[in-house]
């Protein structure tokens, strides 16, 4: 069964702002290689962290990926991106279903 997911990524580019497109393209290809079908990519720009856990990294580029995939795609992607130095955080959730039309 195919489920729609949202993946919010915080990218750690630490002074390499020109490399954002390359990292987004690489994340997109990893999602596709894992068996996902990419629907939408929403680039939300660079934002400062409200709570800084690492003084070397005080902001990150936020990108939201909406994609479809099987039941095991989320665990596969979590494992792949856990070791990726350019992905600071990745949060996956099931995408909200579109509301059903109301009969008048």
PDB file of N, CA and C in Angstrom:
ATOM      1  N   UNK A   1       0.840  -1.183   0.000  1.00  0.00           N
ATOM      2  CA  UNK A   1       0.000   0.000   0.000  1.00  0.00           C
ATOM      3  C   UNK A   1       0.887   1.249   0.000  1.00  0.00           C
ATOM      4  N   UNK A   2       0.550   2.173  -0.841  1.00  0.00           N
ATOM      5  CA  UNK A   2       1.325   3.401  -0.981  1.00  0.00           C
ATOM      6  C   UNK A   2       0.726   4.470  -0.064  1.00  0.00           C
ATOM      7  N   UNK A   3       1.599   5.115   0.691  1.00  0.00           N
ATOM      8  CA  UNK A   3       1.191   6.163   1.618  1.00  0.00           C
ATOM      9  C   UNK A   3       1.914   7.450   1.254  1.00  0.00           C
ATOM     10  N   UNK A   4       1.263   8.576   1.481  1.00  0.00           N
ATOM     11  CA  UNK A   4       1.879   9.877   1.214  1.00  0.00           C
ATOM     12  C   UNK A   4       2.553  10.364   2.495  1.00  0.00           C
ATOM     13  N   UNK A   5       3.808  10.804   2.371  1.00  0.00           N
ATOM     14  CA  UNK A   5       4.607  11.263   3.505  1.00  0.00           C
ATOM     15  C   UNK A   5       5.133  12.665   3.253  1.00  0.00           C
ATOM     16  N   UNK A   6       5.456  13.344   4.361  1.00  0.00           N
ATOM     17  CA  UNK A   6       6.180  14.608   4.306  1.00  0.00           C
ATOM     18  C   UNK A   6       7.498  14.410   5.018  1.00  0.00           C
ATOM     19  N   UNK A   7       8.570  14.873   4.407  1.00  0.00           N
ATOM     20  CA  UNK A   7       9.884  14.812   5.034  1.00  0.00           C
ATOM     21  C   UNK A   7      10.439  16.217   5.169  1.00  0.00           C
ATOM     22  N   UNK A   8      10.581  16.684   6.407  1.00  0.00           N
ATOM     23  CA  UNK A   8      11.151  18.003   6.653  1.00  0.00           C
ATOM     24  C   UNK A   8      12.632  17.828   6.933  1.00  0.00           C
ATOM     25  N   UNK A   9      13.454  18.435   6.109  1.00  0.00           N
ATOM     26  CA  UNK A   9      14.903  18.312   6.229  1.00  0.00           C
ATOM     27  C   UNK A   9      15.494  19.654   6.631  1.00  0.00           C
ATOM     28  N   UNK A  10      16.422  19.614   7.579  1.00  0.00           N
ATOM     29  CA  UNK A  10      17.223  20.786   7.918  1.00  0.00           C
ATOM     30  C   UNK A  10      18.624  20.479   7.414  1.00  0.00           C
ATOM     31  N   UNK A  11      19.075  21.269   6.465  1.00  0.00           N
ATOM     32  CA  UNK A  11      20.360  21.016   5.824  1.00  0.00           C
ATOM     33  C   UNK A  11      21.464  21.802   6.513  1.00  0.00           C
ATOM     34  N   UNK A  12      22.575  21.139   6.751  1.00  0.00           N
ATOM     35  CA  UNK A  12      23.751  21.741   7.367  1.00  0.00           C
ATOM     36  C   UNK A  12      24.750  22.047   6.260  1.00  0.00           C
ATOM     37  N   UNK A  13      24.763  23.302   5.812  1.00  0.00           N
ATOM     38  CA  UNK A  13      25.685  23.665   4.742  1.00  0.00           C
ATOM     39  C   UNK A  13      26.800  24.573   5.229  1.00  0.00           C
ATOM     40  N   UNK A  14      26.747  25.036   6.442  1.00  0.00           N
ATOM     41  CA  UNK A  14      27.806  25.779   7.137  1.00  0.00           C
ATOM     42  C   UNK A  14      28.684  26.620   6.213  1.00  0.00           C
ATOM     43  N   UNK A  15      28.102  27.684   5.671  1.00  0.00           N
ATOM     44  CA  UNK A  15      28.876  28.597   4.841  1.00  0.00           C
ATOM     45  C   UNK A  15      28.904  28.255   3.369  1.00  0.00           C
ATOM     46  N   UNK A  16      28.226  27.206   2.953  1.00  0.00           N
ATOM     47  CA  UNK A  16      28.218  26.810   1.543  1.00  0.00           C
ATOM     48  C   UNK A  16      26.807  26.979   0.979  1.00  0.00           C
ATOM     49  N   UNK A  17      26.268  28.188   1.066  1.00  0.00           N
ATOM     50  CA  UNK A  17      24.895  28.440   0.639  1.00  0.00           C
ATOM     51  C   UNK A  17      24.661  28.114  -0.832  1.00  0.00           C
ATOM     52  N   UNK A  18      25.709  28.203  -1.650  1.00  0.00           N
ATOM     53  CA  UNK A  18      25.543  27.930  -3.079  1.00  0.00           C
ATOM     54  C   UNK A  18      25.329  26.448  -3.362  1.00  0.00           C
ATOM     55  N   UNK A  19      25.554  25.583  -2.384  1.00  0.00           N
ATOM     56  CA  UNK A  19      25.393  24.149  -2.575  1.00  0.00           C
ATOM     57  C   UNK A  19      24.022  23.616  -2.222  1.00  0.00           C
ATOM     58  N   UNK A  20      23.060  24.500  -1.933  1.00  0.00           N
ATOM     59  CA  UNK A  20      21.722  24.068  -1.518  1.00  0.00           C
ATOM     60  C   UNK A  20      21.053  23.246  -2.612  1.00  0.00           C
ATOM     61  N   UNK A  21      21.094  23.722  -3.846  1.00  0.00           N
ATOM     62  CA  UNK A  21      20.432  23.006  -4.948  1.00  0.00           C
ATOM     63  C   UNK A  21      21.027  21.618  -5.139  1.00  0.00           C
ATOM     64  N   UNK A  22      22.333  21.487  -5.011  1.00  0.00           N
ATOM     65  CA  UNK A  22      22.975  20.180  -5.164  1.00  0.00           C
ATOM     66  C   UNK A  22      22.507  19.202  -4.093  1.00  0.00           C
ATOM     67  N   UNK A  23      22.401  19.671  -2.859  1.00  0.00           N
ATOM     68  CA  UNK A  23      21.963  18.792  -1.766  1.00  0.00           C
ATOM     69  C   UNK A  23      20.496  18.424  -1.945  1.00  0.00           C
ATOM     70  N   UNK A  24      19.662  19.372  -2.364  1.00  0.00           N
ATOM     71  CA  UNK A  24      18.246  19.082  -2.609  1.00  0.00           C
ATOM     72  C   UNK A  24      18.111  18.038  -3.710  1.00  0.00           C
ATOM     73  N   UNK A  25      18.889  18.172  -4.781  1.00  0.00           N
ATOM     74  CA  UNK A  25      18.854  17.187  -5.869  1.00  0.00           C
ATOM     75  C   UNK A  25      19.300  15.810  -5.381  1.00  0.00           C
ATOM     76  N   UNK A  26      20.317  15.770  -4.524  1.00  0.00           N
ATOM     77  CA  UNK A  26      20.812  14.495  -4.012  1.00  0.00           C
ATOM     78  C   UNK A  26      19.780  13.835  -3.094  1.00  0.00           C
ATOM     79  N   UNK A  27      19.133  14.623  -2.222  1.00  0.00           N
ATOM     80  CA  UNK A  27      18.097  14.075  -1.340  1.00  0.00           C
ATOM     81  C   UNK A  27      16.933  13.554  -2.183  1.00  0.00           C
ATOM     82  N   UNK A  28      16.553  14.294  -3.219  1.00  0.00           N
ATOM     83  CA  UNK A  28      15.475  13.850  -4.111  1.00  0.00           C
ATOM     84  C   UNK A  28      15.813  12.521  -4.768  1.00  0.00           C
ATOM     85  N   UNK A  29      17.053  12.368  -5.219  1.00  0.00           N
ATOM     86  CA  UNK A  29      17.443  11.115  -5.871  1.00  0.00           C
ATOM     87  C   UNK A  29      17.484   9.957  -4.876  1.00  0.00           C
ATOM     88  N   UNK A  30      17.870  10.216  -3.627  1.00  0.00           N
ATOM     89  CA  UNK A  30      17.876   9.153  -2.613  1.00  0.00           C
ATOM     90  C   UNK A  30      16.450   8.692  -2.327  1.00  0.00           C
ATOM     91  N   UNK A  31      15.504   9.624  -2.257  1.00  0.00           N
ATOM     92  CA  UNK A  31      14.098   9.258  -2.036  1.00  0.00           C
ATOM     93  C   UNK A  31      13.603   8.402  -3.195  1.00  0.00           C
ATOM     94  N   UNK A  32      13.948   8.773  -4.422  1.00  0.00           N
ATOM     95  CA  UNK A  32      13.535   8.008  -5.595  1.00  0.00           C
ATOM     96  C   UNK A  32      14.182   6.625  -5.613  1.00  0.00           C
ATOM     97  N   UNK A  33      15.476   6.548  -5.264  1.00  0.00           N
ATOM     98  CA  UNK A  33      16.176   5.256  -5.222  1.00  0.00           C
ATOM     99  C   UNK A  33      15.582   4.322  -4.175  1.00  0.00           C
ATOM    100  N   UNK A  34      15.041   4.885  -3.103  1.00  0.00           N
ATOM    101  CA  UNK A  34      14.455   4.071  -2.035  1.00  0.00           C
ATOM    102  C   UNK A  34      13.060   3.572  -2.400  1.00  0.00           C
ATOM    103  N   UNK A  35      12.565   3.958  -3.565  1.00  0.00           N
ATOM    104  CA  UNK A  35      11.261   3.483  -4.012  1.00  0.00           C
ATOM    105  C   UNK A  35      10.157   4.508  -3.854  1.00  0.00           C
ATOM    106  N   UNK A  36      10.518   5.737  -3.531  1.00  0.00           N
ATOM    107  CA  UNK A  36       9.516   6.785  -3.364  1.00  0.00           C
ATOM    108  C   UNK A  36       9.237   7.511  -4.664  1.00  0.00           C
ATOM    109  N   UNK A  37       8.066   8.110  -4.723  1.00  0.00           N
ATOM    110  CA  UNK A  37       7.685   8.920  -5.877  1.00  0.00           C
ATOM    111  C   UNK A  37       7.527  10.350  -5.376  1.00  0.00           C
ATOM    112  N   UNK A  38       8.442  11.223  -5.780  1.00  0.00           N
ATOM    113  CA  UNK A  38       8.472  12.602  -5.308  1.00  0.00           C
ATOM    114  C   UNK A  38       7.306  13.383  -5.895  1.00  0.00           C
ATOM    115  N   UNK A  39       6.589  14.099  -5.026  1.00  0.00           N
ATOM    116  CA  UNK A  39       5.433  14.882  -5.446  1.00  0.00           C
ATOM    117  C   UNK A  39       5.765  16.375  -5.471  1.00  0.00           C
ATOM    118  N   UNK A  40       6.271  16.899  -4.353  1.00  0.00           N
ATOM    119  CA  UNK A  40       6.541  18.328  -4.229  1.00  0.00           C
ATOM    120  C   UNK A  40       7.802  18.565  -3.416  1.00  0.00           C
ATOM    121  N   UNK A  41       8.565  19.580  -3.795  1.00  0.00           N
ATOM    122  CA  UNK A  41       9.722  20.026  -3.012  1.00  0.00           C
ATOM    123  C   UNK A  41       9.488  21.492  -2.679  1.00  0.00           C
ATOM    124  N   UNK A  42       9.432  21.799  -1.375  1.00  0.00           N
ATOM    125  CA  UNK A  42       9.200  23.170  -0.924  1.00  0.00           C
ATOM    126  C   UNK A  42      10.458  23.682  -0.229  1.00  0.00           C
ATOM    127  N   UNK A  43      11.169  24.582  -0.883  1.00  0.00           N
ATOM    128  CA  UNK A  43      12.366  25.179  -0.287  1.00  0.00           C
ATOM    129  C   UNK A  43      11.906  26.340   0.592  1.00  0.00           C
ATOM    130  N   UNK A  44      12.246  26.266   1.892  1.00  0.00           N
ATOM    131  CA  UNK A  44      11.748  27.265   2.839  1.00  0.00           C
ATOM    132  C   UNK A  44      12.839  28.206   3.331  1.00  0.00           C
ATOM    133  N   UNK A  45      13.984  28.210   2.710  1.00  0.00           N
ATOM    134  CA  UNK A  45      15.093  29.125   2.989  1.00  0.00           C
ATOM    135  C   UNK A  45      15.794  28.868   4.315  1.00  0.00           C
ATOM    136  N   UNK A  46      16.749  29.719   4.591  1.00  0.00           N
ATOM    137  CA  UNK A  46      17.591  29.583   5.778  1.00  0.00           C
ATOM    138  C   UNK A  46      16.901  30.240   6.973  1.00  0.00           C
ATOM    139  N   UNK A  47      16.919  29.532   8.106  1.00  0.00           N
ATOM    140  CA  UNK A  47      16.318  30.058   9.331  1.00  0.00           C
ATOM    141  C   UNK A  47      17.269  29.834  10.496  1.00  0.00           C
ATOM    142  N   UNK A  48      17.273  30.786  11.412  1.00  0.00           N
ATOM    143  CA  UNK A  48      18.086  30.643  12.622  1.00  0.00           C
ATOM    144  C   UNK A  48      17.367  29.717  13.599  1.00  0.00           C
ATOM    145  N   UNK A  49      18.127  28.925  14.332  1.00  0.00           N
ATOM    146  CA  UNK A  49      17.548  28.026  15.326  1.00  0.00           C
ATOM    147  C   UNK A  49      17.172  28.820  16.571  1.00  0.00           C
ATOM    148  N   UNK A  50      16.020  28.511  17.159  1.00  0.00           N
ATOM    149  CA  UNK A  50      15.625  29.197  18.390  1.00  0.00           C
ATOM    150  C   UNK A  50      16.425  28.673  19.577  1.00  0.00           C
ATOM    151  N   UNK A  51      16.805  27.408  19.520  1.00  0.00           N
ATOM    152  CA  UNK A  51      17.663  26.816  20.550  1.00  0.00           C
ATOM    153  C   UNK A  51      18.889  26.239  19.860  1.00  0.00           C
ATOM    154  N   UNK A  52      20.030  26.784  20.168  1.00  0.00           N
ATOM    155  CA  UNK A  52      21.274  26.359  19.536  1.00  0.00           C
ATOM    156  C   UNK A  52      21.891  25.241  20.366  1.00  0.00           C
ATOM    157  N   UNK A  53      22.052  24.059  19.758  1.00  0.00           N
ATOM    158  CA  UNK A  53      22.671  22.926  20.455  1.00  0.00           C
ATOM    159  C   UNK A  53      24.154  22.819  20.143  1.00  0.00           C
ATOM    160  N   UNK A  54      24.551  23.393  19.024  1.00  0.00           N
ATOM    161  CA  UNK A  54      25.950  23.357  18.604  1.00  0.00           C
ATOM    162  C   UNK A  54      26.343  24.770  18.177  1.00  0.00           C
ATOM    163  N   UNK A  55      27.309  25.365  18.862  1.00  0.00           N
ATOM    164  CA  UNK A  55      27.679  26.753  18.569  1.00  0.00           C
ATOM    165  C   UNK A  55      28.236  26.923  17.162  1.00  0.00           C
ATOM    166  N   UNK A  56      28.697  25.838  16.556  1.00  0.00           N
ATOM    167  CA  UNK A  56      29.207  25.906  15.184  1.00  0.00           C
ATOM    168  C   UNK A  56      28.070  26.010  14.171  1.00  0.00           C
ATOM    169  N   UNK A  57      26.886  25.538  14.559  1.00  0.00           N
ATOM    170  CA  UNK A  57      25.740  25.524  13.656  1.00  0.00           C
ATOM    171  C   UNK A  57      24.579  26.258  14.321  1.00  0.00           C
ATOM    172  N   UNK A  58      24.306  27.474  13.858  1.00  0.00           N
ATOM    173  CA  UNK A  58      23.265  28.290  14.471  1.00  0.00           C
ATOM    174  C   UNK A  58      22.059  28.499  13.566  1.00  0.00           C
ATOM    175  N   UNK A  59      22.122  27.971  12.343  1.00  0.00           N
ATOM    176  CA  UNK A  59      21.002  28.073  11.417  1.00  0.00           C
ATOM    177  C   UNK A  59      21.090  26.930  10.412  1.00  0.00           C
ATOM    178  N   UNK A  60      20.005  26.735   9.678  1.00  0.00           N
ATOM    179  CA  UNK A  60      19.985  25.681   8.673  1.00  0.00           C
ATOM    180  C   UNK A  60      18.984  26.002   7.577  1.00  0.00           C
ATOM    181  N   UNK A  61      19.120  25.337   6.454  1.00  0.00           N
ATOM    182  CA  UNK A  61      18.184  25.484   5.345  1.00  0.00           C
ATOM    183  C   UNK A  61      17.078  24.444   5.507  1.00  0.00           C
ATOM    184  N   UNK A  62      15.842  24.906   5.524  1.00  0.00           N
ATOM    185  CA  UNK A  62      14.693  24.025   5.687  1.00  0.00           C
ATOM    186  C   UNK A  62      14.119  23.695   4.311  1.00  0.00           C
ATOM    187  N   UNK A  63      13.891  22.403   4.078  1.00  0.00           N
ATOM    188  CA  UNK A  63      13.302  21.947   2.821  1.00  0.00           C
ATOM    189  C   UNK A  63      12.285  20.866   3.152  1.00  0.00           C
ATOM    190  N   UNK A  64      11.088  20.971   2.576  1.00  0.00           N
ATOM    191  CA  UNK A  64      10.022  20.006   2.817  1.00  0.00           C
ATOM    192  C   UNK A  64       9.795  19.192   1.542  1.00  0.00           C
ATOM    193  N   UNK A  65       9.901  17.877   1.657  1.00  0.00           N
ATOM    194  CA  UNK A  65       9.671  16.969   0.538  1.00  0.00           C
ATOM    195  C   UNK A  65       8.361  16.227   0.783  1.00  0.00           C
ATOM    196  N   UNK A  66       7.467  16.230  -0.186  1.00  0.00           N
ATOM    197  CA  UNK A  66       6.235  15.453  -0.111  1.00  0.00           C
ATOM    198  C   UNK A  66       6.374  14.343  -1.143  1.00  0.00           C
ATOM    199  N   UNK A  67       6.212  13.095  -0.673  1.00  0.00           N
ATOM    200  CA  UNK A  67       6.439  11.955  -1.550  1.00  0.00           C
ATOM    201  C   UNK A  67       5.539  10.798  -1.149  1.00  0.00           C
ATOM    202  N   UNK A  68       5.423   9.830  -2.047  1.00  0.00           N
ATOM    203  CA  UNK A  68       4.659   8.612  -1.796  1.00  0.00           C
ATOM    204  C   UNK A  68       5.620   7.447  -1.725  1.00  0.00           C
ATOM    205  N   UNK A  69       5.274   6.470  -0.889  1.00  0.00           N
ATOM    206  CA  UNK A  69       6.136   5.305  -0.784  1.00  0.00           C
ATOM    207  C   UNK A  69       5.480   4.195   0.008  1.00  0.00           C
ATOM    208  N   UNK A  70       6.144   3.051   0.030  1.00  0.00           N
ATOM    209  CA  UNK A  70       5.666   1.896   0.769  1.00  0.00           C
ATOM    210  C   UNK A  70       5.853   2.069   2.266  1.00  0.00           C
ATOM    211  N   UNK A  71       5.464   1.045   3.000  1.00  0.00           N
ATOM    212  CA  UNK A  71       5.468   1.129   4.459  1.00  0.00           C
ATOM    213  C   UNK A  71       6.866   1.170   5.062  1.00  0.00           C
ATOM    214  N   UNK A  72       7.875   0.658   4.369  1.00  0.00           N
ATOM    215  CA  UNK A  72       9.225   0.618   4.943  1.00  0.00           C
ATOM    216  C   UNK A  72      10.135   1.743   4.449  1.00  0.00           C
ATOM    217  N   UNK A  73       9.624   2.662   3.651  1.00  0.00           N
ATOM    218  CA  UNK A  73      10.482   3.702   3.083  1.00  0.00           C
ATOM    219  C   UNK A  73      10.989   4.672   4.147  1.00  0.00           C
ATOM    220  N   UNK A  74      10.174   4.973   5.152  1.00  0.00           N
ATOM    221  CA  UNK A  74      10.585   5.941   6.172  1.00  0.00           C
ATOM    222  C   UNK A  74      11.771   5.421   6.969  1.00  0.00           C
ATOM    223  N   UNK A  75      11.723   4.172   7.393  1.00  0.00           N
ATOM    224  CA  UNK A  75      12.848   3.619   8.161  1.00  0.00           C
ATOM    225  C   UNK A  75      14.108   3.537   7.300  1.00  0.00           C
ATOM    226  N   UNK A  76      13.947   3.220   6.027  1.00  0.00           N
ATOM    227  CA  UNK A  76      15.095   3.173   5.119  1.00  0.00           C
ATOM    228  C   UNK A  76      15.729   4.560   4.967  1.00  0.00           C
ATOM    229  N   UNK A  77      14.898   5.582   4.782  1.00  0.00           N
ATOM    230  CA  UNK A  77      15.423   6.941   4.625  1.00  0.00           C
ATOM    231  C   UNK A  77      16.047   7.459   5.917  1.00  0.00           C
ATOM    232  N   UNK A  78      15.453   7.131   7.056  1.00  0.00           N
ATOM    233  CA  UNK A  78      16.039   7.545   8.338  1.00  0.00           C
ATOM    234  C   UNK A  78      17.433   6.965   8.500  1.00  0.00           C
ATOM    235  N   UNK A  79      17.604   5.703   8.133  1.00  0.00           N
ATOM    236  CA  UNK A  79      18.923   5.073   8.230  1.00  0.00           C
ATOM    237  C   UNK A  79      19.927   5.720   7.279  1.00  0.00           C
ATOM    238  N   UNK A  80      19.493   6.037   6.072  1.00  0.00           N
ATOM    239  CA  UNK A  80      20.406   6.641   5.094  1.00  0.00           C
ATOM    240  C   UNK A  80      20.843   8.044   5.509  1.00  0.00           C
ATOM    241  N   UNK A  81      19.901   8.850   6.002  1.00  0.00           N
ATOM    242  CA  UNK A  81      20.223  10.240   6.313  1.00  0.00           C
ATOM    243  C   UNK A  81      20.815  10.420   7.706  1.00  0.00           C
ATOM    244  N   UNK A  82      20.767   9.416   8.545  1.00  0.00           N
ATOM    245  CA  UNK A  82      21.375   9.513   9.880  1.00  0.00           C
ATOM    246  C   UNK A  82      22.890   9.668   9.775  1.00  0.00           C
ATOM    247  N   UNK A  83      23.470   9.134   8.729  1.00  0.00           N
ATOM    248  CA  UNK A  83      24.926   9.187   8.543  1.00  0.00           C
ATOM    249  C   UNK A  83      25.373  10.312   7.615  1.00  0.00           C
ATOM    250  N   UNK A  84      24.438  11.093   7.126  1.00  0.00           N
ATOM    251  CA  UNK A  84      24.746  12.146   6.161  1.00  0.00           C
ATOM    252  C   UNK A  84      25.098  13.442   6.894  1.00  0.00           C
ATOM    253  N   UNK A  85      26.295  13.958   6.670  1.00  0.00           N
ATOM    254  CA  UNK A  85      26.748  15.167   7.362  1.00  0.00           C
ATOM    255  C   UNK A  85      26.044  16.429   6.874  1.00  0.00           C
ATOM    256  N   UNK A  86      25.516  16.420   5.665  1.00  0.00           N
ATOM    257  CA  UNK A  86      24.844  17.606   5.131  1.00  0.00           C
ATOM    258  C   UNK A  86      23.382  17.690   5.548  1.00  0.00           C
ATOM    259  N   UNK A  87      22.845  16.620   6.130  1.00  0.00           N
ATOM    260  CA  UNK A  87      21.477  16.625   6.642  1.00  0.00           C
ATOM    261  C   UNK A  87      21.569  16.683   8.161  1.00  0.00           C
ATOM    262  N   UNK A  88      21.233  17.855   8.716  1.00  0.00           N
ATOM    263  CA  UNK A  88      21.323  18.037  10.166  1.00  0.00           C
ATOM    264  C   UNK A  88      20.188  17.287  10.864  1.00  0.00           C
ATOM    265  N   UNK A  89      18.967  17.420  10.368  1.00  0.00           N
ATOM    266  CA  UNK A  89      17.813  16.713  10.914  1.00  0.00           C
ATOM    267  C   UNK A  89      16.886  16.320   9.765  1.00  0.00           C
ATOM    268  N   UNK A  90      16.180  15.208   9.956  1.00  0.00           N
ATOM    269  CA  UNK A  90      15.149  14.785   9.011  1.00  0.00           C
ATOM    270  C   UNK A  90      13.977  14.252   9.817  1.00  0.00           C
ATOM    271  N   UNK A  91      12.802  14.819   9.604  1.00  0.00           N
ATOM    272  CA  UNK A  91      11.596  14.422  10.322  1.00  0.00           C
ATOM    273  C   UNK A  91      10.566  13.967   9.297  1.00  0.00           C
ATOM    274  N   UNK A  92      10.052  12.757   9.478  1.00  0.00           N
ATOM    275  CA  UNK A  92       9.082  12.201   8.541  1.00  0.00           C
ATOM    276  C   UNK A  92       7.732  12.042   9.226  1.00  0.00           C
ATOM    277  N   UNK A  93       6.660  12.453   8.538  1.00  0.00           N
ATOM    278  CA  UNK A  93       5.299  12.276   9.031  1.00  0.00           C
ATOM    279  C   UNK A  93       4.415  11.857   7.861  1.00  0.00           C
ATOM    280  N   UNK A  94       3.282  11.251   8.190  1.00  0.00           N
ATOM    281  CA  UNK A  94       2.305  10.960   7.149  1.00  0.00           C
ATOM    282  C   UNK A  94       1.638  12.265   6.765  1.00  0.00           C
ATOM    283  N   UNK A  95       1.494  12.486   5.476  1.00  0.00           N
ATOM    284  CA  UNK A  95       0.867  13.718   4.992  1.00  0.00           C
ATOM    285  C   UNK A  95      -0.619  13.670   5.301  1.00  0.00           C
ATOM    286  N   UNK A  96      -1.162  14.814   5.644  1.00  0.00           N
ATOM    287  CA  UNK A  96      -2.587  14.902   5.949  1.00  0.00           C
ATOM    288  C   UNK A  96      -3.390  14.652   4.678  1.00  0.00           C
ATOM    289  N   UNK A  97      -4.437  13.865   4.814  1.00  0.00           N
ATOM    290  CA  UNK A  97      -5.303  13.576   3.674  1.00  0.00           C
ATOM    291  C   UNK A  97      -6.122  14.818   3.345  1.00  0.00           C
ATOM    292  N   UNK A  98      -6.427  14.976   2.082  1.00  0.00           N
ATOM    293  CA  UNK A  98      -7.245  16.109   1.662  1.00  0.00           C
ATOM    294  C   UNK A  98      -8.644  15.946   2.241  1.00  0.00           C
ATOM    295  N   UNK A  99      -9.248  17.022   2.739  1.00  0.00           N
ATOM    296  CA  UNK A  99     -10.583  16.902   3.325  1.00  0.00           C
ATOM    297  C   UNK A  99     -11.612  16.520   2.268  1.00  0.00           C
ATOM    298  N   UNK A 100     -12.558  15.704   2.671  1.00  0.00           N
ATOM    299  CA  UNK A 100     -13.615  15.271   1.756  1.00  0.00           C
ATOM    300  C   UNK A 100     -14.544  16.446   1.475  1.00  0.00           C
ATOM    301  N   UNK A 101     -15.036  16.556   0.246  1.00  0.00           N
ATOM    302  CA  UNK A 101     -15.946  17.658  -0.068  1.00  0.00           C
ATOM    303  C   UNK A 101     -17.254  17.511   0.712  1.00  0.00           C
ATOM    304  N   UNK A 102     -17.775  18.638   1.150  1.00  0.00           N
ATOM    305  CA  UNK A 102     -19.013  18.648   1.929  1.00  0.00           C
ATOM    306  C   UNK A 102     -20.181  18.830   0.976  1.00  0.00           C
ATOM    307  N   UNK A 103     -21.168  17.944   1.102  1.00  0.00           N
ATOM    308  CA  UNK A 103     -22.354  18.042   0.255  1.00  0.00           C
ATOM    309  C   UNK A 103     -23.217  19.204   0.727  1.00  0.00           C
ATOM    310  N   UNK A 104     -23.736  19.963  -0.214  1.00  0.00           N
ATOM    311  CA  UNK A 104     -24.547  21.138   0.147  1.00  0.00           C
ATOM    312  C   UNK A 104     -25.983  20.793   0.333  1.00  0.00           C
TER     313      UNK A 104
END
